[in-house]
C-alpha atoms as a PDB file:
ATOM      1  CA  MET A   1      73.220  93.978 113.926  1.00  0.00           C
ATOM      2  CA  LYS A   2      73.846  96.701 111.297  1.00  0.00           C
ATOM      3  CA  LEU A   3      77.081  98.213 112.370  1.00  0.00           C
ATOM      4  CA  VAL A   4      78.308 101.337 110.448  1.00  0.00           C
ATOM      5  CA  ARG A   5      81.343 104.276 111.055  1.00  0.00           C
ATOM      6  CA  PHE A   6      80.170 107.728 110.338  1.00  0.00           C
ATOM      7  CA  GLY A   7      81.761 111.250 110.341  1.00  0.00           C
ATOM      8  CA  SER A   8      84.425 113.475 108.411  1.00  0.00           C
ATOM      9  CA  LYS A   9      86.716 111.108 106.238  1.00  0.00           C
ATOM     10  CA  GLY A  10      89.968 109.993 109.618  1.00  0.00           C
ATOM     11  CA  PHE A  11      87.235 111.637 112.128  1.00  0.00           C
ATOM     12  CA  GLU A  12      84.375 108.209 111.517  1.00  0.00           C
ATOM     13  CA  ARG A  13      82.847 107.377 115.057  1.00  0.00           C
ATOM     14  CA  PRO A  14      81.471 104.005 115.455  1.00  0.00           C
ATOM     15  CA  GLY A  15      77.033 103.401 114.463  1.00  0.00           C
ATOM     16  CA  ILE A  16      74.778 100.986 115.032  1.00  0.00           C
ATOM     17  CA  ILE A  17      71.400 101.034 112.387  1.00  0.00           C
ATOM     18  CA  ALA A  18      68.399 100.720 114.730  1.00  0.00           C
ATOM     19  CA  ALA A  19      65.346  99.638 114.077  1.00  0.00           C
ATOM     20  CA  ASP A  20      64.176 102.434 112.370  1.00  0.00           C
ATOM     21  CA  GLY A  21      66.995 102.691 110.183  1.00  0.00           C
ATOM     22  CA  THR A  22      68.327 105.619 111.142  1.00  0.00           C
ATOM     23  CA  ILE A  23      72.705 105.865 112.911  1.00  0.00           C
ATOM     24  CA  ARG A  24      72.776 106.063 116.559  1.00  0.00           C
ATOM     25  CA  ASP A  25      76.000 107.128 118.096  1.00  0.00           C
ATOM     26  CA  LEU A  26      78.706 103.748 119.753  1.00  0.00           C
ATOM     27  CA  SER A  27      81.073 106.124 121.296  1.00  0.00           C
ATOM     28  CA  HIS A  28      80.356 105.182 124.546  1.00  0.00           C
ATOM     29  CA  VAL A  29      80.270 101.324 123.903  1.00  0.00           C
ATOM     30  CA  VAL A  30      83.342 100.722 121.670  1.00  0.00           C
ATOM     31  CA  ALA A  31      85.661 103.165 120.566  1.00  0.00           C
ATOM     32  CA  ASP A  32      85.317 102.476 116.492  1.00  0.00           C
ATOM     33  CA  ILE A  33      84.573  99.641 114.229  1.00  0.00           C
ATOM     34  CA  THR A  34      87.540  97.210 114.449  1.00  0.00           C
ATOM     35  CA  GLY A  35      89.537  94.215 116.097  1.00  0.00           C
ATOM     36  CA  ALA A  36      88.373  94.830 119.875  1.00  0.00           C
ATOM     37  CA  ALA A  37      84.608  95.414 118.505  1.00  0.00           C
ATOM     38  CA  LEU A  38      84.808  92.874 116.116  1.00  0.00           C
ATOM     39  CA  ARG A  39      85.747  89.975 118.398  1.00  0.00           C
ATOM     40  CA  PRO A  40      83.143  87.375 119.745  1.00  0.00           C
ATOM     41  CA  GLU A  41      82.965  89.403 123.325  1.00  0.00           C
ATOM     42  CA  GLY A  42      82.959  93.501 121.287  1.00  0.00           C
ATOM     43  CA  LEU A  43      79.811  91.716 119.412  1.00  0.00           C
ATOM     44  CA  GLU A  44      78.478  90.741 122.310  1.00  0.00           C
ATOM     45  CA  ARG A  45      78.713  93.802 124.550  1.00  0.00           C
ATOM     46  CA  ILE A  46      77.043  95.671 121.531  1.00  0.00           C
ATOM     47  CA  ALA A  47      74.381  93.716 121.413  1.00  0.00           C
ATOM     48  CA  ARG A  48      73.324  94.057 124.654  1.00  0.00           C
ATOM     49  CA  VAL A  49      72.416  97.631 123.928  1.00  0.00           C
ATOM     50  CA  ASP A  50      69.784  99.253 122.650  1.00  0.00           C
ATOM     51  CA  PRO A  51      70.042 101.685 119.624  1.00  0.00           C
ATOM     52  CA  ASP A  52      66.848 103.252 120.504  1.00  0.00           C
ATOM     53  CA  ASP A  53      69.096 104.757 124.038  1.00  0.00           C
ATOM     54  CA  LEU A  54      71.448 106.263 121.664  1.00  0.00           C
ATOM     55  CA  PRO A  55      71.965 109.374 120.627  1.00  0.00           C
ATOM     56  CA  ARG A  56      70.668 109.905 117.001  1.00  0.00           C
ATOM     57  CA  ALA A  57      73.408 110.675 114.432  1.00  0.00           C
ATOM     58  CA  PRO A  58      73.068 114.061 112.147  1.00  0.00           C
ATOM     59  CA  ASP A  59      70.943 112.782 109.251  1.00  0.00           C
ATOM     60  CA  ASP A  60      73.681 114.041 107.117  1.00  0.00           C
ATOM     61  CA  ALA A  61      76.178 112.088 108.579  1.00  0.00           C
ATOM     62  CA  ARG A  62      78.598 111.006 105.725  1.00  0.00           C
ATOM     63  CA  LEU A  63      79.128 107.147 106.459  1.00  0.00           C
ATOM     64  CA  GLY A  64      83.111 106.370 106.042  1.00  0.00           C
ATOM     65  CA  SER A  65      84.092 102.555 105.536  1.00  0.00           C
ATOM     66  CA  CYS A  66      81.856 100.386 108.224  1.00  0.00           C
ATOM     67  CA  ILE A  67      85.637  99.068 109.398  1.00  0.00           C
ATOM     68  CA  ALA A  68      88.880 100.718 110.081  1.00  0.00           C
ATOM     69  CA  MET A  69      91.505  99.602 108.766  1.00  0.00           C
ATOM     70  CA  PRO A  70      92.234  96.495 109.167  1.00  0.00           C
ATOM     71  CA  TYR A  71      96.244  94.547 109.153  1.00  0.00           C
ATOM     72  CA  ASN A  72      94.691  93.042 105.884  1.00  0.00           C
ATOM     73  CA  PHE A  73      92.609  93.750 103.021  1.00  0.00           C
ATOM     74  CA  VAL A  74      93.060  90.506 100.748  1.00  0.00           C
ATOM     75  CA  ALA A  75      91.179  89.419  97.473  1.00  0.00           C
ATOM     76  CA  ILE A  76      90.143  85.937  95.465  1.00  0.00           C
ATOM     77  CA  GLY A  77      90.431  86.291  92.169  1.00  0.00           C
ATOM     78  CA  LEU A  78      88.649  84.605  89.453  1.00  0.00           C
ATOM     79  CA  ASN A  79      85.920  83.112  91.724  1.00  0.00           C
ATOM     80  CA  TYR A  80      83.163  83.598  89.103  1.00  0.00           C
ATOM     81  CA  THR A  81      83.209  80.790  86.283  1.00  0.00           C
ATOM     82  CA  ASP A  82      81.854  83.873  84.112  1.00  0.00           C
ATOM     83  CA  HIS A  83      83.606  86.561  84.965  1.00  0.00           C
ATOM     84  CA  ALA A  84      87.048  84.247  84.291  1.00  0.00           C
ATOM     85  CA  GLU A  85      85.932  83.259  81.315  1.00  0.00           C
ATOM     86  CA  GLU A  86      85.374  87.379  80.077  1.00  0.00           C
ATOM     87  CA  ALA A  87      88.767  88.064  81.302  1.00  0.00           C
ATOM     88  CA  GLY A  88      90.340  85.426  78.787  1.00  0.00           C
ATOM     89  CA  MET A  89      91.797  83.289  81.889  1.00  0.00           C
ATOM     90  CA  ALA A  90      91.775  79.827  83.171  1.00  0.00           C
ATOM     91  CA  ILE A  91      89.361  78.342  85.704  1.00  0.00           C
ATOM     92  CA  PRO A  92      91.556  78.748  88.971  1.00  0.00           C
ATOM     93  CA  LYS A  93      92.089  75.961  90.469  1.00  0.00           C
ATOM     94  CA  VAL A  94      92.752  76.665  93.990  1.00  0.00           C
ATOM     95  CA  PRO A  95      92.294  80.461  94.901  1.00  0.00           C
ATOM     96  CA  ILE A  96      93.601  82.545  93.377  1.00  0.00           C
ATOM     97  CA  ILE A  97      94.826  85.662  96.865  1.00  0.00           C
ATOM     98  CA  PHE A  98      96.441  88.712  96.009  1.00  0.00           C
ATOM     99  CA  THR A  99      96.100  92.184  98.341  1.00  0.00           C
ATOM    100  CA  LYS A 100      94.874  95.429  98.302  1.00  0.00           C
ATOM    101  CA  ALA A 101      96.100  98.108 100.050  1.00  0.00           C
ATOM    102  CA  PRO A 102      94.422  99.163 103.353  1.00  0.00           C
ATOM    103  CA  THR A 103      94.752 102.249 102.437  1.00  0.00           C
ATOM    104  CA  SER A 104      92.835 101.803  99.295  1.00  0.00           C
ATOM    105  CA  ILE A 105      89.355 101.235 101.615  1.00  0.00           C
ATOM    106  CA  SER A 106      86.989 104.477 101.218  1.00  0.00           C
ATOM    107  CA  GLY A 107      83.521 105.639 102.747  1.00  0.00           C
ATOM    108  CA  PRO A 108      80.762 103.277 100.255  1.00  0.00           C
ATOM    109  CA  TYR A 109      79.393 106.913  99.065  1.00  0.00           C
ATOM    110  CA  ASP A 110      83.024 108.836  98.865  1.00  0.00           C
ATOM    111  CA  ASP A 111      83.837 109.673  94.835  1.00  0.00           C
ATOM    112  CA  VAL A 112      86.303 107.135  93.778  1.00  0.00           C
ATOM    113  CA  ILE A 113      89.354 108.886  92.484  1.00  0.00           C
ATOM    114  CA  LEU A 114      91.381 108.325  88.957  1.00  0.00           C
ATOM    115  CA  PRO A 115      94.828 107.786  89.487  1.00  0.00           C
ATOM    116  CA  PRO A 116      97.200 109.779  87.492  1.00  0.00           C
ATOM    117  CA  GLY A 117      97.475 107.965  84.333  1.00  0.00           C
ATOM    118  CA  SER A 118      94.623 105.519  84.378  1.00  0.00           C
ATOM    119  CA  LYS A 119      93.194 104.373  81.141  1.00  0.00           C
ATOM    120  CA  LYS A 120      91.574 101.535  82.047  1.00  0.00           C
ATOM    121  CA  GLY A 121      89.609 101.769  85.325  1.00  0.00           C
ATOM    122  CA  ASP A 122      87.511  98.871  86.234  1.00  0.00           C
ATOM    123  CA  TRP A 123      84.742  97.820  88.849  1.00  0.00           C
ATOM    124  CA  GLU A 124      83.339  94.960  90.275  1.00  0.00           C
ATOM    125  CA  VAL A 125      80.731  94.105  92.985  1.00  0.00           C
ATOM    126  CA  GLU A 126      81.895  91.785  95.247  1.00  0.00           C
ATOM    127  CA  LEU A 127      80.735  90.047  99.114  1.00  0.00           C
ATOM    128  CA  GLY A 128      83.676  90.847 101.467  1.00  0.00           C
ATOM    129  CA  ILE A 129      83.849  88.844 104.932  1.00  0.00           C
ATOM    130  CA  VAL A 130      85.151  90.346 107.439  1.00  0.00           C
ATOM    131  CA  ILE A 131      87.199  88.005 110.500  1.00  0.00           C
ATOM    132  CA  GLY A 132      85.835  88.162 114.578  1.00  0.00           C
ATOM    133  CA  SER A 133      88.853  86.625 116.119  1.00  0.00           C
ATOM    134  CA  PRO A 134      92.337  85.126 115.006  1.00  0.00           C
ATOM    135  CA  CYS A 135      93.127  82.728 113.255  1.00  0.00           C
ATOM    136  CA  ASP A 136      95.280  80.429 111.404  1.00  0.00           C
ATOM    137  CA  GLN A 137      94.971  76.625 109.977  1.00  0.00           C
ATOM    138  CA  LEU A 138      91.753  76.234 109.389  1.00  0.00           C
ATOM    139  CA  THR A 139      89.534  73.636 108.528  1.00  0.00           C
ATOM    140  CA  GLU A 140      86.340  74.424 106.161  1.00  0.00           C
ATOM    141  CA  ALA A 141      84.197  73.291 108.865  1.00  0.00           C
ATOM    142  CA  THR A 142      85.304  75.496 111.931  1.00  0.00           C
ATOM    143  CA  ALA A 143      86.283  78.468 109.256  1.00  0.00           C
ATOM    144  CA  LEU A 144      83.008  80.366 109.984  1.00  0.00           C
ATOM    145  CA  ASP A 145      82.992  79.794 113.574  1.00  0.00           C
ATOM    146  CA  HIS A 146      86.438  83.333 113.182  1.00  0.00           C
ATOM    147  CA  VAL A 147      83.298  85.196 110.083  1.00  0.00           C
ATOM    148  CA  ALA A 148      82.204  88.438 112.160  1.00  0.00           C
ATOM    149  CA  GLY A 149      79.931  89.046 109.481  1.00  0.00           C
ATOM    150  CA  TYR A 150      79.325  90.872 105.920  1.00  0.00           C
ATOM    151  CA  CYS A 151      79.153  94.054 103.812  1.00  0.00           C
ATOM    152  CA  ILE A 152      79.696  94.696  99.881  1.00  0.00           C
ATOM    153  CA  CYS A 153      82.952  96.086  98.511  1.00  0.00           C
ATOM    154  CA  ASN A 154      83.583  97.570  95.211  1.00  0.00           C
ATOM    155  CA  ASP A 155      87.034  96.294  94.261  1.00  0.00           C
ATOM    156  CA  VAL A 156      88.037  99.299  91.524  1.00  0.00           C
ATOM    157  CA  SER A 157      90.842  98.346  89.554  1.00  0.00           C
ATOM    158  CA  GLU A 158      93.504 100.137  86.361  1.00  0.00           C
ATOM    159  CA  ARG A 159      93.297  97.422  83.858  1.00  0.00           C
ATOM    160  CA  GLU A 160      96.923  98.517  82.747  1.00  0.00           C
ATOM    161  CA  PHE A 161      97.790  98.773  86.054  1.00  0.00           C
ATOM    162  CA  GLN A 162      96.882  95.448  87.025  1.00  0.00           C
ATOM    163  CA  ILE A 163      98.077  93.934  83.554  1.00  0.00           C
ATOM    164  CA  GLU A 164      99.446  95.213  81.394  1.00  0.00           C
ATOM    165  CA  MET A 165     102.764  96.251  84.050  1.00  0.00           C
ATOM    166  CA  ASP A 166     104.862  93.693  85.059  1.00  0.00           C
ATOM    167  CA  GLY A 167     104.631  92.367  88.452  1.00  0.00           C
ATOM    168  CA  GLN A 168     102.110  91.490  90.734  1.00  0.00           C
ATOM    169  CA  TRP A 169      98.073  93.099  90.353  1.00  0.00           C
ATOM    170  CA  VAL A 170      98.581  94.698  93.272  1.00  0.00           C
ATOM    171  CA  LYS A 171      99.635  97.624  91.839  1.00  0.00           C
ATOM    172  CA  GLY A 172      96.691  98.323  89.423  1.00  0.00           C
ATOM    173  CA  LYS A 173      94.124  97.329  92.474  1.00  0.00           C
ATOM    174  CA  SER A 174      95.624  99.575  95.430  1.00  0.00           C
ATOM    175  CA  ALA A 175      95.193 102.928  94.416  1.00  0.00           C
ATOM    176  CA  PRO A 176      93.149 105.492  97.105  1.00  0.00           C
ATOM    177  CA  THR A 177      89.151 105.027  96.653  1.00  0.00           C
ATOM    178  CA  PHE A 178      89.802 101.754  94.711  1.00  0.00           C
ATOM    179  CA  GLY A 179      88.339 100.118  98.115  1.00  0.00           C
ATOM    180  CA  PRO A 180      85.168 101.630  98.669  1.00  0.00           C
ATOM    181  CA  VAL A 181      83.581  98.871 101.752  1.00  0.00           C
ATOM    182  CA  GLY A 182      80.113  99.282 104.077  1.00  0.00           C
ATOM    183  CA  PRO A 183      77.281 101.352 103.940  1.00  0.00           C
ATOM    184  CA  TRP A 184      76.984  98.653 106.591  1.00  0.00           C
ATOM    185  CA  LEU A 185      79.105  95.705 108.273  1.00  0.00           C
ATOM    186  CA  VAL A 186      75.897  92.830 108.590  1.00  0.00           C
ATOM    187  CA  THR A 187      76.847  90.186 111.687  1.00  0.00           C
ATOM    188  CA  LYS A 188      76.638  87.076 110.190  1.00  0.00           C
ATOM    189  CA  ASP A 189      73.535  85.983 112.455  1.00  0.00           C
ATOM    190  CA  GLU A 190      71.302  88.007 110.423  1.00  0.00           C
ATOM    191  CA  VAL A 191      73.137  86.313 106.936  1.00  0.00           C
ATOM    192  CA  PRO A 192      71.483  82.671 107.170  1.00  0.00           C
ATOM    193  CA  ASN A 193      72.608  81.646 103.637  1.00  0.00           C
ATOM    194  CA  VAL A 194      75.429  83.712 102.840  1.00  0.00           C
ATOM    195  CA  GLN A 195      75.989  81.780  99.280  1.00  0.00           C
ATOM    196  CA  ASN A 196      72.444  82.387  98.471  1.00  0.00           C
ATOM    197  CA  LEU A 197      73.170  86.315  97.471  1.00  0.00           C
ATOM    198  CA  SER A 198      71.569  88.337  94.760  1.00  0.00           C
ATOM    199  CA  MET A 199      74.914  91.322  93.655  1.00  0.00           C
ATOM    200  CA  TYR A 200      74.245  93.842  90.552  1.00  0.00           C
ATOM    201  CA  LEU A 201      76.452  97.610  89.657  1.00  0.00           C
ATOM    202  CA  ASP A 202      74.847 100.025  87.595  1.00  0.00           C
ATOM    203  CA  LEU A 203      77.427 102.664  85.473  1.00  0.00           C
ATOM    204  CA  ASN A 204      75.340 105.562  84.523  1.00  0.00           C
ATOM    205  CA  GLY A 205      72.375 103.660  84.944  1.00  0.00           C
ATOM    206  CA  ASN A 206      73.188 100.833  82.606  1.00  0.00           C
ATOM    207  CA  ARG A 207      72.781  97.497  84.034  1.00  0.00           C
ATOM    208  CA  MET A 208      76.541  96.152  84.377  1.00  0.00           C
ATOM    209  CA  GLN A 209      77.030  92.971  86.401  1.00  0.00           C
ATOM    210  CA  GLU A 210      74.241  90.925  87.689  1.00  0.00           C
ATOM    211  CA  GLY A 211      74.762  87.363  89.732  1.00  0.00           C
ATOM    212  CA  SER A 212      74.777  85.739  92.803  1.00  0.00           C
ATOM    213  CA  THR A 213      77.374  84.119  95.271  1.00  0.00           C
ATOM    214  CA  ALA A 214      76.010  81.054  94.469  1.00  0.00           C
ATOM    215  CA  ASN A 215      77.478  80.720  91.260  1.00  0.00           C
ATOM    216  CA  MET A 216      81.061  81.246  93.076  1.00  0.00           C
ATOM    217  CA  ILE A 217      83.525  78.706  92.254  1.00  0.00           C
ATOM    218  CA  PHE A 218      85.186  78.748  96.108  1.00  0.00           C
ATOM    219  CA  SER A 219      82.706  78.909  98.868  1.00  0.00           C
ATOM    220  CA  VAL A 220      82.972  81.344 101.837  1.00  0.00           C
ATOM    221  CA  PRO A 221      83.979  79.171 104.339  1.00  0.00           C
ATOM    222  CA  TYR A 222      86.526  77.415 101.526  1.00  0.00           C
ATOM    223  CA  ILE A 223      87.963  80.749 100.811  1.00  0.00           C
ATOM    224  CA  VAL A 224      88.839  81.810 104.928  1.00  0.00           C
ATOM    225  CA  ALA A 225      90.183  78.313 105.451  1.00  0.00           C
ATOM    226  CA  TYR A 226      92.133  78.328 102.526  1.00  0.00           C
ATOM    227  CA  VAL A 227      93.285  82.070 103.112  1.00  0.00           C
ATOM    228  CA  SER A 228      94.796  81.237 106.571  1.00  0.00           C
ATOM    229  CA  ARG A 229      96.958  78.557 105.590  1.00  0.00           C
ATOM    230  CA  PHE A 230      99.930  81.631 104.185  1.00  0.00           C
ATOM    231  CA  MET A 231      98.948  84.068 106.920  1.00  0.00           C
ATOM    232  CA  ALA A 232      97.570  85.090 110.388  1.00  0.00           C
ATOM    233  CA  LEU A 233      93.852  86.553 109.932  1.00  0.00           C
ATOM    234  CA  MET A 234      92.621  89.539 113.115  1.00  0.00           C
ATOM    235  CA  PRO A 235      89.228  91.036 113.407  1.00  0.00           C
ATOM    236  CA  GLY A 236      88.440  93.638 111.270  1.00  0.00           C
ATOM    237  CA  ASP A 237      90.727  92.430 107.983  1.00  0.00           C
ATOM    238  CA  ILE A 238      88.830  91.940 105.234  1.00  0.00           C
ATOM    239  CA  ILE A 239      89.111  89.277 102.531  1.00  0.00           C
ATOM    240  CA  ILE A 240      86.478  90.279  98.869  1.00  0.00           C
ATOM    241  CA  THR A 241      85.581  87.233  97.241  1.00  0.00           C
ATOM    242  CA  GLY A 242      85.353  88.001  93.121  1.00  0.00           C
ATOM    243  CA  THR A 243      82.935  89.220  90.912  1.00  0.00           C
ATOM    244  CA  PRO A 244      80.455  87.965  88.325  1.00  0.00           C
ATOM    245  CA  ALA A 245      80.817  89.520  84.653  1.00  0.00           C
ATOM    246  CA  GLY A 246      80.070  92.390  83.494  1.00  0.00           C
ATOM    247  CA  VAL A 247      83.214  94.239  84.323  1.00  0.00           C
ATOM    248  CA  GLY A 248      84.873  96.734  81.596  1.00  0.00           C
ATOM    249  CA  LEU A 249      87.119  94.413  80.792  1.00  0.00           C
ATOM    250  CA  GLY A 250      85.922  91.638  79.636  1.00  0.00           C
ATOM    251  CA  MET A 251      82.951  94.297  77.014  1.00  0.00           C
ATOM    252  CA  ASP A 252      83.818  94.359  72.811  1.00  0.00           C
ATOM    253  CA  PRO A 253      83.816  96.965  72.672  1.00  0.00           C
ATOM    254  CA  GLN A 254      85.635  97.641  76.110  1.00  0.00           C
ATOM    255  CA  VAL A 255      84.744 100.261  78.909  1.00  0.00           C
ATOM    256  CA  PHE A 256      86.231 101.641  81.055  1.00  0.00           C
ATOM    257  CA  LEU A 257      85.441 104.415  83.590  1.00  0.00           C
ATOM    258  CA  LYS A 258      86.174 108.192  83.284  1.00  0.00           C
ATOM    259  CA  ALA A 259      85.357 111.181  85.165  1.00  0.00           C
ATOM    260  CA  GLY A 260      81.240 112.065  85.627  1.00  0.00           C
ATOM    261  CA  ASP A 261      79.847 108.114  85.246  1.00  0.00           C
ATOM    262  CA  GLU A 262      78.288 106.786  88.670  1.00  0.00           C
ATOM    263  CA  MET A 263      78.510 103.638  89.907  1.00  0.00           C
ATOM    264  CA  VAL A 264      75.065 101.848  91.903  1.00  0.00           C
ATOM    265  CA  LEU A 265      76.048  98.807  93.541  1.00  0.00           C
ATOM    266  CA  GLY A 266      74.894  96.309  96.035  1.00  0.00           C
ATOM    267  CA  VAL A 267      74.442  93.071  97.759  1.00  0.00           C
ATOM    268  CA  GLU A 268      71.173  91.302  98.942  1.00  0.00           C
ATOM    269  CA  GLY A 269      70.974  92.705 102.468  1.00  0.00           C
ATOM    270  CA  LEU A 270      73.959  94.231 102.808  1.00  0.00           C
ATOM    271  CA  GLY A 271      72.344  97.613 101.419  1.00  0.00           C
ATOM    272  CA  GLU A 272      74.095  99.671  98.783  1.00  0.00           C
ATOM    273  CA  GLN A 273      77.162 101.933  97.431  1.00  0.00           C
ATOM    274  CA  ARG A 274      76.816 104.960  95.114  1.00  0.00           C
ATOM    275  CA  GLN A 275      80.524 106.238  94.020  1.00  0.00           C
ATOM    276  CA  SER A 276      80.520 109.358  91.531  1.00  0.00           C
ATOM    277  CA  VAL A 277      84.324 109.166  89.265  1.00  0.00           C
ATOM    278  CA  VAL A 278      86.209 112.361  89.612  1.00  0.00           C
ATOM    279  CA  ALA A 279      89.314 112.881  87.741  1.00  0.00           C
ATOM    280  CA  HIS A 280      93.328 112.975  90.063  1.00  0.00           C
ATOM    281  CA  ARG A 281      93.722 116.527  90.773  1.00  0.00           C
ATOM    282  CA  LEU A 282      97.701 116.945  91.363  1.00  0.00           C
ATOM    283  CA  GLU A 283      98.915 119.165  93.824  1.00  0.00           C
ATOM    284  CA  LYS A 284     100.971 122.133  92.468  1.00  0.00           C
END
């Protein structure tokens, strides 16, 4: 299944993609695409519904994040060897865990807003893992039993805030709109090999990133099990899994986002995102 959320910001409704590609309204089946709906019993309830029997969403409906606000928005850093090398950092021996504020989450086609003082905005196409049942202290062998599905995330970053200021990476990862998620949550039964998905990101029509989840240092089940050693994960939580080479930070000369730029990114089988970059407008 491909699950979506559609409607104006803050008022999204749950939806499912029908065989003809249209969005159908799931509001009378589940309240939202969130924890309860993503547990095994919630997904089973949705699966019993024929999308063709559901009301059709407006053709011009905005897509919000495919997940409502999660408890945890966890990220794995430097999980592709080529990206670690371009960043000038050591290949990690264990997964590097950091967080993005859940309030950074936005829709897949919403504008990315550079925060005040931003000089080094950057992009990262990533595979997102969506948790489907409460878990902690998992083994690698059982980790995928607790996954509901997968989605795309653009791990938008402000490199000066992230790297050049004292403290943790979270500062450069958490501005509003720095976490576009979607367009769809694709349930894991439709992703036969999550470790062999091609991925790409274009900036202003130029291919910047091209890679495959086959090149992850740490696999999806390893990541889920490892993160669960340090925190309880809840249905609807998102773990993003790192990015291949091609970010602006790693280029010579470096390239950073500016107002008017457009990013297009995708992961095989999970759809495509498109975002325009705009400057923050301070309220008067």
